[in-house]
Protein backbone atom coordinates (compact mmCIF):
# COMPACT_ATOMS: atom_id res chain seq x y z
CA MET A 1 121.92 11.17 -19.10
CA ASP A 2 119.61 13.88 -20.41
CA PHE A 3 120.73 16.36 -17.75
CA ASN A 4 124.37 15.61 -18.55
CA LEU A 5 123.77 16.10 -22.26
CA LYS A 6 121.92 19.39 -21.74
CA ALA A 7 124.58 20.66 -19.34
CA THR A 8 127.32 19.77 -21.79
CA LEU A 9 125.59 21.35 -24.78
CA TYR A 10 124.65 24.54 -22.91
CA ASN A 11 126.36 27.55 -24.40
CA ASP A 12 125.43 31.17 -23.75
CA THR A 13 127.72 32.64 -26.40
CA LYS A 14 126.94 33.38 -30.04
CA LYS A 15 126.35 30.54 -32.45
CA ASN A 16 129.46 28.95 -33.84
CA PRO A 17 129.17 27.02 -37.13
CA ARG A 18 131.92 24.66 -35.93
CA ASN A 19 129.98 23.83 -32.76
CA PRO A 20 126.38 22.89 -33.66
CA ALA A 21 123.79 23.42 -30.93
CA ASN A 22 122.61 19.80 -30.72
CA ALA A 23 125.80 17.90 -31.45
CA LEU A 24 128.82 17.01 -29.37
CA VAL A 25 132.19 18.22 -30.58
CA ARG A 26 135.52 16.80 -29.43
CA PHE A 27 135.89 18.64 -26.12
CA GLU A 28 132.19 18.20 -25.30
CA TRP A 29 132.49 14.44 -25.77
CA LEU A 30 135.17 14.37 -23.10
CA GLU A 31 133.10 16.62 -20.84
CA ILE A 32 130.06 14.34 -20.99
CA ILE A 33 132.25 11.30 -20.22
CA VAL A 34 133.50 13.08 -17.10
CA ARG A 35 129.96 14.05 -16.09
CA ILE A 36 128.72 10.48 -16.50
CA ALA A 37 131.65 9.10 -14.50
CA TYR A 38 130.88 11.64 -11.78
CA ASP A 39 127.23 10.59 -11.58
CA LYS A 40 127.82 6.87 -11.93
CA TYR A 41 130.77 6.36 -9.60
CA TYR A 42 131.56 9.46 -7.53
CA ARG A 43 128.09 10.69 -6.53
CA THR A 44 127.02 7.17 -5.64
CA GLN A 45 130.17 6.85 -3.50
CA ILE A 46 131.49 3.84 -5.35
CA THR A 47 134.80 5.70 -5.62
CA GLU A 48 136.41 8.29 -3.39
CA THR A 49 138.07 10.41 -6.07
CA MET A 50 137.21 11.61 -9.54
CA GLU A 51 140.42 10.03 -10.79
CA ASP A 52 139.18 6.63 -9.63
CA SER A 53 135.78 7.35 -11.16
CA MET A 54 137.33 8.08 -14.54
CA GLN A 55 139.51 4.98 -14.31
CA LEU A 56 136.47 2.80 -13.58
CA MET A 57 134.54 4.46 -16.39
CA PHE A 58 137.27 3.59 -18.88
CA ASP A 59 137.92 0.10 -17.50
CA ASN A 60 134.31 -1.03 -17.07
CA ASP A 61 132.44 0.87 -19.74
CA LEU A 62 134.46 2.54 -22.47
CA ASN A 63 137.21 0.01 -23.10
CA VAL A 64 134.61 -2.71 -23.64
CA GLU A 65 133.17 -0.70 -26.54
CA ILE A 66 136.47 0.62 -27.86
CA LYS A 67 137.92 -2.89 -28.16
CA LYS A 68 135.19 -3.77 -30.66
CA TYR A 69 136.91 -1.58 -33.25
CA ASP A 70 140.27 -2.51 -34.65
CA SER A 71 142.23 0.64 -35.45
CA GLY A 72 144.94 -1.53 -36.95
CA LYS A 73 142.78 -2.15 -40.02
CA PHE A 74 142.64 1.58 -40.71
CA ARG A 75 146.38 1.94 -40.24
CA ASP A 76 147.14 -1.03 -42.48
CA ILE A 77 145.09 0.42 -45.33
CA TYR A 78 145.69 4.17 -45.11
CA VAL A 79 149.01 4.60 -43.35
CA CYS A 80 151.37 3.19 -45.93
CA LYS A 81 153.91 4.35 -48.49
CA GLU A 82 151.49 4.25 -51.43
CA VAL A 83 148.97 6.58 -49.76
CA ASP A 84 151.79 8.86 -48.59
CA ASP A 85 153.11 9.08 -52.16
CA ILE A 86 149.67 10.09 -53.47
CA ILE A 87 149.15 12.70 -50.77
CA THR A 88 152.66 14.08 -51.33
CA SER A 89 152.09 14.35 -55.09
CA TYR A 90 148.81 16.25 -54.57
CA MET A 91 150.13 18.44 -51.73
CA PRO A 92 150.11 21.66 -53.80
CA VAL A 93 146.41 21.14 -54.54
CA LEU A 94 145.57 20.17 -50.98
C-alpha cells in the first residue's frame, strides 16, 4: 500500500496549490484504486486481465464500503425545489 501511495503521489513538476503533495486528489484516487487492483488480483494471477481485476476490486472491496453510505439522504435534503429556489435567488452573488 505504501509503495502504491508513494507512486501515485509522485510528481516531478512544480507545486500546484490544487494538488497538495501528501493528499490524493480525484484522479489520484482512481489511480491508486487501479494500482491496488493490479497488485491484489492481477500480479497474484487471480485474474487474467486488468478489466477483471478492476471488476473484482469493485465487487469484493469497494461496493461493500460504498453501500454503507446512502446517497439518497443527501439527494432528499439538498436536491429539491426549495434549495433550487434559494440558489437561483442568490445566483448573482454566487
